[in-house]
């Protein structure tokens, strides 16, 4: 079981931003900017394009709703969607609020935010997601 599956199952704590029966969204613990969120399918699959077509469509619609919640919680020009990462063998989408394309440079130094601030960020996104 991947670390992301354990997070989605609640075995490992996370800063939950959104969820439904198929997908789970939580804050990246090494964010590029405040609001940087990961969206995963609950079904463990390594590669996003190994998802069934209808599942991939539902995944994108879920990610779109999360992105709208992020944009409402953290006003920005756009929310970038990035599919990248080889470290965790579990499909995931990065949703990153951006004011410029520099905000999506993964070689930038990552933020280190206190737990209370991370929880406040997640709560703000979750509240917007549930509207």
Protein backbone atom coordinates (compact mmCIF):
# COMPACT_ATOMS: atom_id res chain seq x y z
CA UNK A 1 0.00 0.00 0.00
CA UNK A 2 1.46 3.39 -0.99
CA UNK A 3 1.88 6.27 1.44
CA UNK A 4 -0.91 8.09 -0.43
CA UNK A 5 -3.29 5.14 0.02
CA UNK A 6 -2.50 5.20 3.74
CA UNK A 7 -3.23 8.93 3.81
CA UNK A 8 -6.56 8.47 2.02
CA UNK A 9 -7.50 5.69 4.46
CA UNK A 10 -6.64 7.89 7.45
CA UNK A 11 -3.77 5.65 8.56
CA UNK A 12 -1.36 8.57 8.14
CA UNK A 13 -2.50 12.08 9.15
CA UNK A 14 -2.98 14.69 6.46
CA UNK A 15 -4.44 18.14 5.96
CA UNK A 16 -7.66 17.17 4.18
CA UNK A 17 -8.98 19.68 1.66
CA UNK A 18 -11.70 17.61 -0.05
CA UNK A 19 -12.93 14.07 -0.51
CA UNK A 20 -15.58 11.84 -1.92
CA UNK A 21 -15.88 8.07 -2.22
CA UNK A 22 -13.41 7.90 -5.14
CA UNK A 23 -10.91 10.73 -4.60
CA UNK A 24 -9.06 12.53 -1.83
CA UNK A 25 -7.34 15.93 -1.75
CA UNK A 26 -4.83 17.06 0.85
CA UNK A 27 -2.14 19.69 1.28
CA UNK A 28 1.33 18.96 -0.01
CA UNK A 29 3.57 18.90 3.08
CA UNK A 30 6.34 20.57 1.05
CA UNK A 31 4.29 23.23 -0.73
CA UNK A 32 5.55 25.57 -3.40
CA UNK A 33 2.98 28.16 -2.28
CA UNK A 34 0.17 28.30 0.27
CA UNK A 35 -2.72 26.16 -0.94
CA UNK A 36 -0.59 23.66 -2.91
CA UNK A 37 -2.81 20.58 -2.88
CA UNK A 38 -2.48 16.98 -4.04
CA UNK A 39 -5.46 15.13 -5.50
CA UNK A 40 -5.37 11.35 -5.63
CA UNK A 41 -7.68 8.53 -6.60
CA UNK A 42 -8.49 6.32 -3.62
CA UNK A 43 -7.88 3.33 -5.89
CA UNK A 44 -4.16 2.76 -5.93
CA UNK A 45 -2.83 3.13 -9.46
CA UNK A 46 0.71 4.25 -10.26
CA UNK A 47 0.18 6.11 -13.52
CA UNK A 48 -2.65 8.56 -14.14
CA UNK A 49 -3.15 7.28 -17.69
CA UNK A 50 -3.72 3.75 -16.39
CA UNK A 51 -7.05 4.92 -14.97
CA UNK A 52 -10.12 3.82 -16.89
CA UNK A 53 -11.47 6.57 -19.16
CA UNK A 54 -14.61 7.19 -17.11
CA UNK A 55 -12.60 7.18 -13.87
CA UNK A 56 -10.11 9.65 -15.34
CA UNK A 57 -13.00 11.92 -16.36
CA UNK A 58 -14.46 11.83 -12.83
CA UNK A 59 -10.98 12.46 -11.40
CA UNK A 60 -10.61 15.60 -13.52
CA UNK A 61 -14.07 16.85 -12.56
CA UNK A 62 -13.21 16.32 -8.87
CA UNK A 63 -9.87 18.12 -9.35
CA UNK A 64 -11.71 20.98 -11.06
CA UNK A 65 -14.00 21.40 -8.05
CA UNK A 66 -10.97 21.37 -5.72
CA UNK A 67 -9.20 23.93 -7.93
CA UNK A 68 -12.24 26.23 -7.73
CA UNK A 69 -12.20 25.88 -3.93
CA UNK A 70 -8.48 26.72 -3.84
CA UNK A 71 -9.01 29.78 -6.03
CA UNK A 72 -11.85 30.97 -3.78
CA UNK A 73 -9.78 30.39 -0.64
CA UNK A 74 -6.56 31.86 -2.05
CA UNK A 75 -7.35 34.41 -4.75
CA UNK A 76 -4.90 33.91 -7.60
CA UNK A 77 -4.74 34.35 -11.35
CA UNK A 78 -5.12 30.62 -12.02
CA UNK A 79 -4.70 27.28 -10.32
CA UNK A 80 -2.09 25.24 -12.15
CA UNK A 81 -2.57 21.52 -12.65
CA UNK A 82 0.64 19.51 -12.78
CA UNK A 83 0.97 15.76 -13.13
CA UNK A 84 4.48 14.94 -12.05
CA UNK A 85 6.36 12.88 -9.53
CA UNK A 86 8.11 9.55 -9.52
CA UNK A 87 8.76 9.21 -5.79
CA UNK A 88 5.31 7.88 -4.84
CA UNK A 89 3.87 5.09 -7.01
CA UNK A 90 0.33 6.50 -6.80
CA UNK A 91 -1.25 8.80 -9.39
CA UNK A 92 -1.54 12.37 -8.16
CA UNK A 93 -2.34 15.82 -9.47
CA UNK A 94 -0.69 18.91 -8.00
CA UNK A 95 -3.04 21.91 -7.83
CA UNK A 96 -1.03 25.08 -7.25
CA UNK A 97 -2.43 28.61 -6.87
CA UNK A 98 -0.33 30.86 -9.05
CA UNK A 99 0.25 34.53 -9.54
CA UNK A 100 2.93 33.78 -12.16
CA UNK A 101 4.46 30.72 -13.79
CA UNK A 102 7.37 31.03 -11.35
CA UNK A 103 5.02 29.71 -8.65
CA UNK A 104 5.00 26.32 -10.40
CA UNK A 105 8.76 25.83 -10.57
CA UNK A 106 9.41 22.65 -8.62
CA UNK A 107 13.06 23.57 -8.13
CA UNK A 108 12.00 26.57 -6.02
CA UNK A 109 12.58 26.36 -2.30
CA UNK A 110 9.59 24.76 -0.59
CA UNK A 111 7.66 26.49 2.18
CA UNK A 112 7.90 25.29 5.75
CA UNK A 113 4.66 26.20 7.49
CA UNK A 114 3.65 25.44 11.08
CA UNK A 115 1.00 22.77 11.63
CA UNK A 116 -1.57 25.34 12.77
CA UNK A 117 -1.20 27.31 9.55
CA UNK A 118 -1.37 24.16 7.41
CA UNK A 119 -4.59 23.16 9.19
CA UNK A 120 -6.05 26.64 8.69
CA UNK A 121 -5.22 26.49 4.96
CA UNK A 122 -6.81 23.05 4.60
CA UNK A 123 -9.89 24.14 6.54
CA UNK A 124 -10.30 27.17 4.30
CA UNK A 125 -10.14 25.07 1.13
CA UNK A 126 -12.45 22.41 2.60
CA UNK A 127 -15.03 25.06 3.53
CA UNK A 128 -15.02 26.38 -0.05
CA UNK A 129 -15.20 22.85 -1.46
CA UNK A 130 -18.30 22.10 0.62
CA UNK A 131 -20.23 25.21 -0.53
